Protein backbone atom coordinates (compact mmCIF):
# COMPACT_ATOMS: atom_id res chain seq x y z
CA MET A 1 -15.65 20.72 -49.92
CA ARG A 2 -16.88 18.78 -52.76
CA THR A 3 -20.36 19.32 -54.19
CA GLU A 4 -22.26 16.58 -56.37
CA LEU A 5 -25.53 17.66 -57.91
CA PHE A 6 -27.65 15.42 -60.12
CA GLU A 7 -31.58 16.25 -61.30
CA PRO A 8 -33.99 12.68 -60.31
CA ASP A 9 -36.44 11.69 -63.00
CA VAL A 10 -39.54 13.50 -61.51
CA THR A 11 -41.56 12.19 -64.09
CA THR A 12 -41.32 8.92 -63.22
CA GLY A 13 -40.81 9.02 -59.79
CA GLU A 14 -37.84 5.88 -60.16
CA LEU A 15 -35.06 6.13 -58.18
CA GLU A 16 -31.73 4.84 -59.96
CA LEU A 17 -29.69 2.51 -58.11
CA GLU A 18 -26.38 4.99 -57.88
CA GLU A 19 -28.53 7.55 -56.09
CA ARG A 20 -30.16 4.86 -53.59
CA HIS A 21 -26.68 3.86 -52.52
CA SER A 22 -25.11 7.45 -52.25
CA LEU A 23 -23.96 9.74 -49.37
CA ARG A 24 -23.85 13.32 -51.33
CA ARG A 25 -22.28 16.39 -49.77
CA VAL A 26 -24.37 19.73 -49.81
CA ALA A 27 -21.76 22.46 -50.20
CA GLY A 28 -21.81 25.83 -48.70
CA LEU A 29 -22.94 24.52 -44.88
CA SER A 30 -19.96 25.52 -42.56
CA THR A 31 -20.88 27.86 -40.10
CA GLU A 32 -21.80 25.27 -30.28
CA LEU A 33 -25.69 23.67 -29.18
CA THR A 34 -26.59 24.64 -25.40
CA ASP A 35 -28.45 21.68 -24.35
CA ILE A 36 -30.76 19.33 -24.65
CA THR A 37 -31.19 17.72 -21.42
CA GLU A 38 -32.81 13.99 -20.32
CA VAL A 39 -34.62 14.98 -17.41
CA GLU A 40 -31.55 15.25 -14.74
CA TYR A 41 -28.96 13.01 -15.62
CA ARG A 42 -28.41 13.74 -19.27
CA GLN A 43 -26.86 16.58 -20.53
CA LEU A 44 -25.91 16.66 -24.53
CA ARG A 45 -23.41 19.78 -25.66
CA LEU A 46 -23.30 20.25 -29.38
CA GLU A 47 -20.58 22.04 -30.60
CA ARG A 48 -19.00 20.86 -34.04
CA VAL A 49 -21.52 19.20 -35.74
CA VAL A 50 -22.44 16.97 -38.97
CA LEU A 51 -26.11 16.80 -40.60
CA VAL A 52 -27.32 14.37 -42.54
CA GLY A 53 -30.49 14.06 -44.25
CA VAL A 54 -32.57 12.23 -46.12
CA TRP A 55 -34.19 12.77 -49.65
CA THR A 56 -37.45 10.83 -50.40
CA GLU A 57 -39.37 13.63 -52.89
CA GLY A 58 -38.81 16.72 -54.28
CA SER A 59 -35.80 17.83 -56.56
CA VAL A 60 -32.31 17.97 -55.59
CA SER A 61 -32.82 21.74 -54.22
CA ASP A 62 -35.58 21.08 -52.31
CA ALA A 63 -33.15 18.40 -50.46
CA GLU A 64 -30.49 21.11 -50.30
CA ASN A 65 -32.80 24.08 -48.90
CA SER A 66 -33.76 21.48 -45.83
CA LEU A 67 -30.53 20.94 -45.18
CA ALA A 68 -29.65 24.73 -45.42
CA GLU A 69 -32.24 25.48 -42.71
CA LEU A 70 -31.09 22.48 -40.68
CA ALA A 71 -28.18 24.05 -40.93
CA ALA A 72 -29.10 27.59 -39.62
CA LEU A 73 -30.83 25.72 -36.93
CA ALA A 74 -27.88 24.43 -35.64
CA GLU A 75 -26.21 27.92 -36.27
CA THR A 76 -28.86 29.59 -34.04
CA ALA A 77 -28.37 27.04 -31.56
CA GLY A 78 -25.10 27.86 -31.17
CA SER A 79 -23.19 24.71 -33.04
CA GLU A 80 -20.00 24.75 -35.64
CA VAL A 81 -21.44 23.25 -38.85
CA LEU A 82 -18.54 21.20 -40.36
CA GLU A 83 -20.24 18.92 -42.98
CA GLY A 84 -23.69 18.52 -44.66
CA LEU A 85 -25.12 15.19 -46.86
CA ILE A 86 -27.80 14.32 -47.71
CA GLN A 87 -28.90 10.49 -48.90
CA ARG A 88 -31.22 9.47 -51.98
CA ARG A 89 -33.68 6.47 -50.45
CA GLY A 90 -37.46 5.82 -50.90
CA ARG A 91 -38.09 6.34 -47.35
CA PRO A 92 -35.82 6.89 -44.40
CA ASP A 93 -34.35 3.23 -42.93
CA SER A 94 -36.62 2.16 -40.39
CA ALA A 95 -33.35 0.85 -37.89
CA THR A 96 -30.50 3.54 -38.87
CA PHE A 97 -32.57 6.72 -40.61
CA ILE A 98 -29.77 6.30 -43.49
CA GLY A 99 -29.77 2.81 -44.15
CA ARG A 100 -26.94 0.07 -42.44
CA GLY A 101 -24.86 0.74 -45.38
CA LYS A 102 -24.34 4.18 -45.02
CA VAL A 103 -23.51 4.17 -41.19
CA ASP A 104 -19.99 3.33 -42.07
CA GLU A 105 -19.79 6.49 -44.47
CA LEU A 106 -20.92 8.67 -41.86
CA ARG A 107 -18.89 7.36 -39.47
CA ASP A 108 -15.86 7.92 -41.33
CA VAL A 109 -17.16 11.38 -42.18
CA VAL A 110 -17.30 12.28 -38.54
CA ILE A 111 -13.75 11.11 -37.74
CA ALA A 112 -12.47 13.16 -40.33
CA THR A 113 -14.23 16.11 -39.68
CA GLY A 114 -13.47 15.60 -35.58
CA ALA A 115 -17.40 16.20 -35.15
CA ASP A 116 -19.01 15.14 -32.12
CA THR A 117 -22.34 15.31 -32.74
CA VAL A 118 -24.79 14.15 -35.79
CA ILE A 119 -28.06 16.24 -36.66
CA CYS A 120 -30.35 14.41 -38.74
CA ASP A 121 -32.99 16.10 -41.01
CA GLY A 122 -36.07 14.62 -39.61
CA GLU A 123 -37.86 13.32 -36.43
CA LEU A 124 -36.24 9.98 -35.25
CA SER A 125 -37.79 7.18 -32.95
CA PRO A 126 -36.04 6.03 -29.98
CA SER A 127 -34.79 2.75 -31.49
CA GLN A 128 -33.19 4.79 -34.47
CA LEU A 129 -31.55 7.28 -31.95
CA ARG A 130 -30.13 4.48 -29.80
CA ASN A 131 -29.01 2.33 -33.51
CA LEU A 132 -27.40 5.61 -35.09
CA GLU A 133 -25.38 6.80 -31.96
CA LYS A 134 -24.10 3.07 -30.90
CA GLN A 135 -22.75 2.96 -34.66
CA VAL A 136 -21.40 6.28 -35.46
CA LYS A 137 -19.90 6.56 -31.85
CA VAL A 138 -21.42 10.06 -30.91
CA LYS A 139 -23.99 11.83 -30.40
CA VAL A 140 -26.96 11.91 -32.19
CA VAL A 141 -29.69 14.78 -31.94
CA ASP A 142 -32.89 14.84 -34.87
CA ARG A 143 -34.51 18.26 -35.73
CA THR A 144 -36.92 18.28 -33.44
CA ALA A 145 -34.61 18.33 -30.46
CA LEU A 146 -32.94 20.91 -32.04
CA ILE A 147 -36.05 22.99 -32.48
CA LEU A 148 -36.92 22.41 -29.15
CA ASP A 149 -33.56 23.62 -27.58
CA ILE A 150 -33.70 27.11 -29.58
CA PHE A 151 -37.37 27.07 -28.16
CA ALA A 152 -35.81 26.61 -24.58
CA GLN A 153 -33.41 29.25 -25.15
CA HIS A 154 -35.50 31.92 -26.33
CA ALA A 155 -38.81 31.75 -24.15
CA LYS A 156 -39.03 34.68 -21.76
CA SER A 157 -42.19 34.89 -20.24
CA LYS A 158 -43.98 32.59 -17.75
CA GLU A 159 -46.12 30.99 -20.20
CA GLY A 160 -43.45 30.54 -23.03
CA LYS A 161 -41.11 28.52 -20.37
CA ALA A 162 -43.83 26.27 -19.52
CA GLN A 163 -44.85 25.17 -22.92
CA VAL A 164 -41.34 25.14 -23.93
CA GLU A 165 -40.69 22.80 -21.07
CA LEU A 166 -44.37 20.37 -21.70
CA ALA A 167 -43.29 20.11 -25.41
CA GLN A 168 -39.31 19.24 -24.42
CA LEU A 169 -40.81 16.39 -21.95
CA GLN A 170 -43.18 15.00 -24.16
CA TYR A 171 -40.36 14.32 -26.89
CA LEU A 172 -37.87 13.32 -24.20
CA LEU A 173 -40.51 10.46 -22.40
CA PRO A 174 -40.12 7.87 -24.75
CA ARG A 175 -36.44 8.67 -25.37
CA LEU A 176 -35.40 7.93 -21.81
CA ARG A 177 -32.58 5.59 -21.38
CA GLY A 178 -31.93 3.53 -18.69
CA TRP A 179 -28.38 1.22 -17.18
CA GLY A 180 -30.84 -1.64 -15.99
CA ASP A 181 -30.90 -3.48 -12.74
CA SER A 182 -27.75 -1.23 -11.53
CA LEU A 183 -30.19 1.78 -11.28
CA SER A 184 -32.49 -0.28 -9.01
CA ARG A 185 -33.87 1.53 -5.91
CA GLN A 186 -34.39 -1.24 -3.84
CA GLY A 187 -31.85 -4.51 -3.14
CA GLY A 188 -33.01 -8.04 -4.51
CA GLY A 189 -32.10 -11.33 -2.80
CA ALA A 190 -33.71 -14.88 -1.78
CA GLY A 191 -33.02 -15.14 1.87
CA GLY A 192 -34.32 -13.84 5.42
CA GLY A 193 -30.79 -12.11 5.41
CA SER A 194 -31.05 -9.77 2.34
CA GLY A 195 -33.32 -7.54 1.68
CA GLY A 196 -36.25 -6.18 3.63
CA GLY A 197 -38.18 -9.29 3.64
CA VAL A 198 -41.14 -10.14 1.69
CA GLY A 199 -42.48 -7.90 -0.47
CA THR A 200 -39.40 -6.11 -1.04
CA ARG A 201 -37.18 -8.19 -3.04
CA GLY A 202 -36.69 -8.02 -6.49
CA PRO A 203 -35.15 -5.37 -9.16
CA GLY A 204 -37.50 -2.30 -7.42
CA GLU A 205 -38.24 0.56 -8.99
CA THR A 206 -35.51 1.32 -11.25
CA LYS A 207 -34.04 4.71 -11.98
CA ILE A 208 -35.83 5.02 -15.58
CA GLU A 209 -39.38 4.14 -14.05
CA THR A 210 -38.68 6.61 -11.24
CA ASP A 211 -37.89 9.76 -14.12
CA ARG A 212 -40.83 8.32 -16.18
CA ARG A 213 -43.40 8.57 -13.36
CA ARG A 214 -41.40 12.13 -12.33
CA ILE A 215 -42.06 13.48 -16.09
CA ASN A 216 -45.51 12.05 -15.80
CA GLN A 217 -46.58 14.50 -12.83
CA ARG A 218 -44.25 17.40 -14.39
CA ILE A 219 -46.41 17.26 -17.74
CA THR A 220 -49.41 16.81 -15.96
CA LYS A 221 -48.73 20.11 -13.29
CA LEU A 222 -47.33 21.86 -16.89
CA ARG A 223 -51.09 21.03 -18.32
CA ARG A 224 -52.86 22.09 -15.45
CA GLU A 225 -50.40 26.25 -15.57
CA ILE A 226 -50.66 26.39 -18.77
CA LYS A 227 -54.76 25.86 -19.05
CA ALA A 228 -55.15 28.46 -16.62
CA MET A 229 -53.09 30.75 -18.44
CA ARG A 230 -55.20 29.80 -21.46
CA THR A 231 -57.61 30.97 -19.55
CA ALA A 232 -56.40 34.27 -18.60
CA ARG A 233 -55.42 34.81 -22.41
CA GLN A 234 -59.22 33.98 -23.35
CA THR A 235 -60.07 36.41 -21.12
CA LYS A 236 -58.29 39.42 -22.66
CA ARG A 237 -59.13 38.32 -25.92
CA SER A 238 -63.09 38.55 -25.00
CA LYS A 239 -62.29 42.32 -23.67
CA ARG A 240 -60.46 43.38 -26.94
CA SER A 241 -63.44 41.36 -28.92
CA ASN A 242 -66.17 43.40 -26.84
CA SER A 243 -64.49 46.54 -26.74
CA GLY A 244 -64.94 46.27 -30.99
CA VAL A 245 -61.08 46.98 -31.86
CA PRO A 246 -60.27 44.93 -34.50
CA GLY A 247 -57.30 42.59 -33.82
CA VAL A 248 -54.35 41.86 -36.83
CA ALA A 249 -52.47 38.82 -36.57
CA ILE A 250 -48.77 38.57 -38.13
CA ALA A 251 -47.91 35.42 -38.77
CA GLY A 252 -45.18 33.97 -41.27
CA TYR A 253 -42.04 31.98 -41.61
CA THR A 254 -38.98 32.07 -39.00
CA ASN A 255 -37.19 35.06 -39.52
CA ALA A 256 -39.47 36.63 -42.16
CA GLY A 257 -39.07 39.64 -40.64
CA LYS A 258 -42.36 39.68 -38.64
CA SER A 259 -40.95 41.86 -35.68
CA SER A 260 -39.06 44.11 -37.91
CA LEU A 261 -42.15 44.70 -39.42
CA LEU A 262 -44.43 45.27 -36.46
CA ASN A 263 -41.37 47.82 -35.34
CA ARG A 264 -42.22 49.78 -38.65
CA LEU A 265 -45.71 49.72 -38.27
CA THR A 266 -46.33 50.94 -34.55
CA SER A 267 -42.80 51.92 -33.26
CA ALA A 268 -43.40 48.87 -30.53
CA GLY A 269 -39.35 48.57 -29.86
CA VAL A 270 -39.60 44.53 -30.00
CA LEU A 271 -36.69 42.27 -30.20
CA VAL A 272 -35.06 41.97 -33.77
CA GLU A 273 -32.38 39.55 -34.33
CA ASP A 274 -31.05 37.68 -37.69
CA ALA A 275 -32.19 34.39 -36.02
CA LEU A 276 -34.34 31.76 -36.13
CA PHE A 277 -37.20 31.85 -33.86
CA ALA A 278 -35.87 34.91 -31.89
CA THR A 279 -39.72 35.93 -31.05
CA LEU A 280 -42.17 33.23 -28.60
CA ASP A 281 -43.80 35.70 -26.53
CA PRO A 282 -46.20 37.61 -28.13
CA THR A 283 -46.75 41.05 -28.45
CA THR A 284 -49.76 42.97 -29.07
CA ARG A 285 -49.73 46.69 -29.99
CA ARG A 286 -52.57 48.89 -30.56
CA THR A 287 -52.30 50.96 -34.02
CA ALA A 288 -54.66 53.02 -35.81
CA ALA A 289 -55.58 52.71 -39.85
CA GLU A 290 -55.00 55.42 -42.20
CA ASP A 291 -58.75 56.57 -41.58
CA GLY A 292 -58.50 56.68 -38.02
CA ARG A 293 -59.46 53.41 -36.87
CA VAL A 294 -57.99 51.74 -33.98
CA PHE A 295 -56.81 48.28 -34.73
CA THR A 296 -54.23 45.55 -32.65
CA LEU A 297 -51.28 44.34 -34.26
CA SER A 298 -50.16 41.13 -32.64
CA ASP A 299 -46.58 39.50 -33.59
CA THR A 300 -46.54 35.80 -33.21
CA VAL A 301 -44.00 32.63 -33.14
CA GLY A 302 -42.44 31.81 -36.39
CA PHE A 303 -43.08 28.34 -38.30
CA VAL A 304 -40.84 26.14 -39.70
CA ARG A 305 -40.85 23.00 -41.85
CA HIS A 306 -42.39 20.10 -40.13
CA LEU A 307 -42.78 22.16 -37.01
CA PRO A 308 -42.85 19.53 -34.25
CA HIS A 309 -46.34 18.55 -33.30
CA GLN A 310 -44.87 18.93 -29.41
CA ILE A 311 -44.42 22.41 -30.36
CA VAL A 312 -48.12 23.14 -31.91
CA GLU A 313 -49.85 21.31 -29.27
CA ALA A 314 -48.28 23.18 -26.42
CA PHE A 315 -48.16 26.28 -27.96
CA ARG A 316 -51.81 25.95 -29.18
CA SER A 317 -53.18 28.65 -26.79
CA THR A 318 -50.89 31.27 -28.30
CA LEU A 319 -51.37 29.94 -31.96
CA GLU A 320 -55.12 30.49 -31.33
CA GLU A 321 -54.39 34.26 -31.18
CA VAL A 322 -54.11 33.85 -35.12
CA ALA A 323 -57.82 31.91 -34.69
CA TYR A 324 -59.27 34.88 -33.02
CA ALA A 325 -57.84 37.69 -35.37
CA ASP A 326 -59.75 39.34 -38.10
CA LEU A 327 -57.39 39.59 -40.58
CA VAL A 328 -53.99 37.72 -40.90
CA LEU A 329 -50.87 39.71 -42.16
CA HIS A 330 -49.08 36.67 -43.34
CA VAL A 331 -45.05 37.71 -43.84
CA VAL A 332 -43.33 35.84 -46.67
CA ASP A 333 -39.18 35.77 -46.80
CA GLY A 334 -39.13 37.56 -50.61
CA ALA A 335 -35.18 36.94 -50.59
CA HIS A 336 -35.36 33.04 -49.26
CA PRO A 337 -34.66 30.49 -52.20
CA ASP A 338 -38.01 28.78 -51.64
CA PRO A 339 -40.80 31.74 -50.75
CA GLU A 340 -43.36 29.37 -51.89
CA GLY A 341 -42.62 26.19 -49.45
CA GLN A 342 -42.74 28.50 -46.77
CA VAL A 343 -45.74 30.02 -47.33
CA ALA A 344 -47.08 26.44 -47.87
CA ALA A 345 -46.00 25.21 -44.78
CA VAL A 346 -47.25 28.35 -42.72
CA ARG A 347 -50.93 27.61 -44.25
CA GLU A 348 -50.17 24.41 -42.82
CA VAL A 349 -49.85 25.30 -38.93
CA LEU A 350 -52.54 27.62 -39.45
CA SER A 351 -55.24 25.40 -40.60
CA GLU A 352 -54.00 22.99 -37.96
CA VAL A 353 -55.25 25.82 -35.07
CA GLY A 354 -58.22 26.81 -37.23
CA ALA A 355 -56.89 29.80 -38.56
CA ASP A 356 -57.46 28.94 -42.21
CA ARG A 357 -60.55 30.29 -42.30
CA ILE A 358 -59.26 34.06 -41.81
CA PRO A 359 -58.54 36.88 -44.62
CA GLU A 360 -55.26 36.62 -45.48
CA LEU A 361 -52.93 39.76 -46.54
CA LEU A 362 -49.88 38.06 -48.10
CA VAL A 363 -46.66 40.77 -47.30
CA ILE A 364 -43.69 39.84 -49.26
CA ASN A 365 -40.99 41.42 -46.97
CA LYS A 366 -37.18 41.89 -47.70
CA VAL A 367 -37.74 42.92 -51.14
CA ASP A 368 -34.82 44.91 -51.47
CA ALA A 369 -32.14 41.81 -50.66
CA ALA A 370 -34.32 40.01 -53.53
CA ASP A 371 -33.52 39.95 -57.32
CA GLU A 372 -35.89 41.26 -59.57
CA GLU A 373 -36.62 37.87 -61.45
CA THR A 374 -37.80 36.35 -58.02
CA ILE A 375 -39.93 39.77 -57.62
CA LEU A 376 -41.57 39.17 -60.94
CA ARG A 377 -42.42 35.57 -60.19
CA LEU A 378 -43.81 36.00 -56.83
CA LYS A 379 -45.84 38.93 -58.47
CA ARG A 380 -47.25 36.47 -61.00
CA ALA A 381 -48.08 34.20 -58.15
CA TRP A 382 -49.31 36.13 -55.61
CA PRO A 383 -51.05 39.28 -57.53
CA ASP A 384 -52.89 40.66 -54.30
CA ALA A 385 -49.70 40.53 -52.00
CA VAL A 386 -48.32 43.66 -51.02
CA PHE A 387 -44.16 44.13 -51.79
CA ALA A 388 -42.48 45.68 -48.84
CA SER A 389 -39.34 46.37 -46.72
CA ALA A 390 -39.50 46.83 -42.72
CA ARG A 391 -35.43 47.15 -42.91
CA SER A 392 -35.53 50.37 -45.71
CA GLY A 393 -39.41 51.47 -45.19
CA GLN A 394 -40.10 50.81 -48.97
CA GLY A 395 -43.77 49.40 -49.69
CA ILE A 396 -44.78 49.86 -45.77
CA PRO A 397 -47.43 52.63 -47.04
CA GLU A 398 -48.81 50.27 -49.32
CA VAL A 399 -48.99 47.91 -46.12
CA HIS A 400 -50.66 50.37 -44.13
CA ALA A 401 -53.17 50.90 -47.05
CA ALA A 402 -54.06 47.40 -47.62
CA ILE A 403 -54.65 46.73 -43.89
CA ALA A 404 -57.28 49.79 -43.66
CA GLN A 405 -58.85 47.96 -46.89
CA ARG A 406 -59.34 44.55 -45.24
CA LEU A 407 -60.25 45.68 -42.07
CA PRO A 408 -64.05 44.73 -41.03
CA ARG A 409 -65.61 48.17 -40.71
CA PRO A 410 -68.45 48.80 -38.19
CA ALA A 411 -71.92 48.06 -38.89
CA VAL A 412 -74.16 50.64 -37.96
CA ASP A 413 -73.83 54.28 -39.73
CA LEU A 414 -75.34 56.91 -37.39
CA ARG A 415 -76.17 60.62 -37.41
CA ILE A 416 -75.60 62.09 -33.62
CA LEU A 417 -75.67 65.25 -31.40
CA LEU A 418 -73.64 64.96 -28.52
CA PRO A 419 -73.43 67.74 -25.87
CA TYR A 420 -69.75 69.28 -25.25
CA ASP A 421 -69.45 67.81 -22.42
CA ARG A 422 -69.84 64.18 -24.01
CA GLY A 423 -66.10 64.14 -24.49
CA ASP A 424 -65.61 60.44 -23.53
CA LEU A 425 -68.20 59.40 -25.84
CA VAL A 426 -66.19 61.10 -28.87
CA ALA A 427 -63.41 59.31 -27.49
CA ARG A 428 -64.74 56.28 -27.33
CA ILE A 429 -65.93 56.44 -30.91
CA HIS A 430 -62.67 56.85 -32.15
CA ARG A 431 -60.89 53.94 -30.29
CA GLN A 432 -64.02 51.59 -31.28
CA GLY A 433 -65.70 52.94 -34.51
CA GLN A 434 -64.84 55.77 -37.13
CA VAL A 435 -66.25 59.23 -37.60
CA LEU A 436 -67.22 60.15 -41.15
CA ASP A 437 -67.90 63.62 -40.88
CA THR A 438 -67.72 66.08 -37.92
CA ARG A 439 -69.70 69.64 -37.18
CA HIS A 440 -69.83 72.13 -34.65
CA THR A 441 -73.00 73.66 -33.89
CA ASP A 442 -74.69 75.67 -31.13
CA GLU A 443 -76.02 72.50 -29.39
CA GLY A 444 -72.88 70.50 -29.48
CA SER A 445 -70.90 68.15 -31.82
CA GLU A 446 -73.35 66.78 -34.96
CA LEU A 447 -71.10 63.76 -35.98
CA ARG A 448 -71.54 61.06 -38.76
CA VAL A 449 -69.89 57.51 -37.50
CA ARG A 450 -69.74 54.09 -38.55
CA VAL A 451 -69.77 51.94 -34.78
CA GLY A 452 -70.61 48.41 -33.83
CA GLU A 453 -73.75 47.48 -32.23
CA HIS A 454 -72.88 47.93 -28.88
CA LEU A 455 -71.73 51.22 -29.10
CA ALA A 456 -74.66 52.31 -31.65
CA ALA A 457 -76.84 51.19 -28.54
CA ASP A 458 -75.62 53.40 -26.03
CA LEU A 459 -75.33 56.29 -28.69
CA GLU A 460 -79.45 55.75 -29.37
CA GLN A 461 -80.36 58.91 -27.28
CA PHE A 462 -78.07 61.06 -29.29
CA VAL A 463 -79.60 60.55 -32.56
CA VAL A 464 -80.85 62.94 -35.07
CA PRO A 465 -84.08 62.23 -36.54
CA ARG A 466 -83.31 61.75 -40.57
């Protein structure tokens, strides 16, 4: 595969004529997609694919990183990537995404490689999809459809499946394709001998109209179901909040190692796979800090650049777990070519769900796979970050210590004398607060504790006068 690299003049932002009119191959993108379904009657199987991207801003390495990520998404979905192409343009073409003049070149690449699908690195409008598909003579899929397909493969819980189906239907609704009056449900005619009489003649309700109506009905039902699940999630969240147990949410780019870190910190035993979006269903585990304070640790769905808005909206109730946490453990892949870009993409999504005000602890993961120069650069960029490896265990004690330091501490200091038959209160203090000192006397256990206001009220009768 040929590689043609070039560096634009990013100081002026001007594009040279040759750059505008070139499709350039991206090296190293050789790696089958189970389905993207248009309602019930159209199935698409992606097997041998050519990737194509439009580079509108940034450096050539940014454009190639984006296409490399698209290749990883396609491979996760089950495709074999044959070729990757990028084109330098001021903006994507409104008709065909890559421009009319470049469609023939893309068609030649498709024929030469034997590809049966083109995947575009961006969200295409319905007209762009139709035009490009018509001209290259193979199926065309955009980045959004690809991500939705991966989500559909990986969702396991009832809530996760409902969220993915809602996102898919919202994406597919404007992209339905019909075949005209041949799909009419009613017969036409202009005489008493044809049709069903007055009011029944004409094209009737076409297949596409029927499908559109049925999709809208299904969307309404799914939204109702997800709302009920959201209420249940809020109830559980409220119980955790009332119990006084702090919550830590693990967030980060997809495949950054969030589930591996959760397993390392809590022995949770959740699925760990070297694939994008392996985790869609949140996992919450209870664990304890070094000083004995109990807190919950929740794994969340991974983020990605240009995460489809349908996904953000459908998974809002799940993503809001992060917004209600006391601390966000932001996991970053230190071995990735562009960790800074990943952090920016994650923070963008966190701000969409109102989690950008939550205290954040950056954990640079996979340091055992990153080179020293990258580690030094990231330490300069994020001096407060913790560097670790969930795979080897390197830096995990430092992660534990940093979490303990940033966890909210109970507000009320008390010295109490508990009778020996009130072991239930001692256990509750250990669950919800912090025991600072213990002394056993003839009357009972004298404890110096730090607890929340609710528990402090329940302990008031046992307080030792100062």
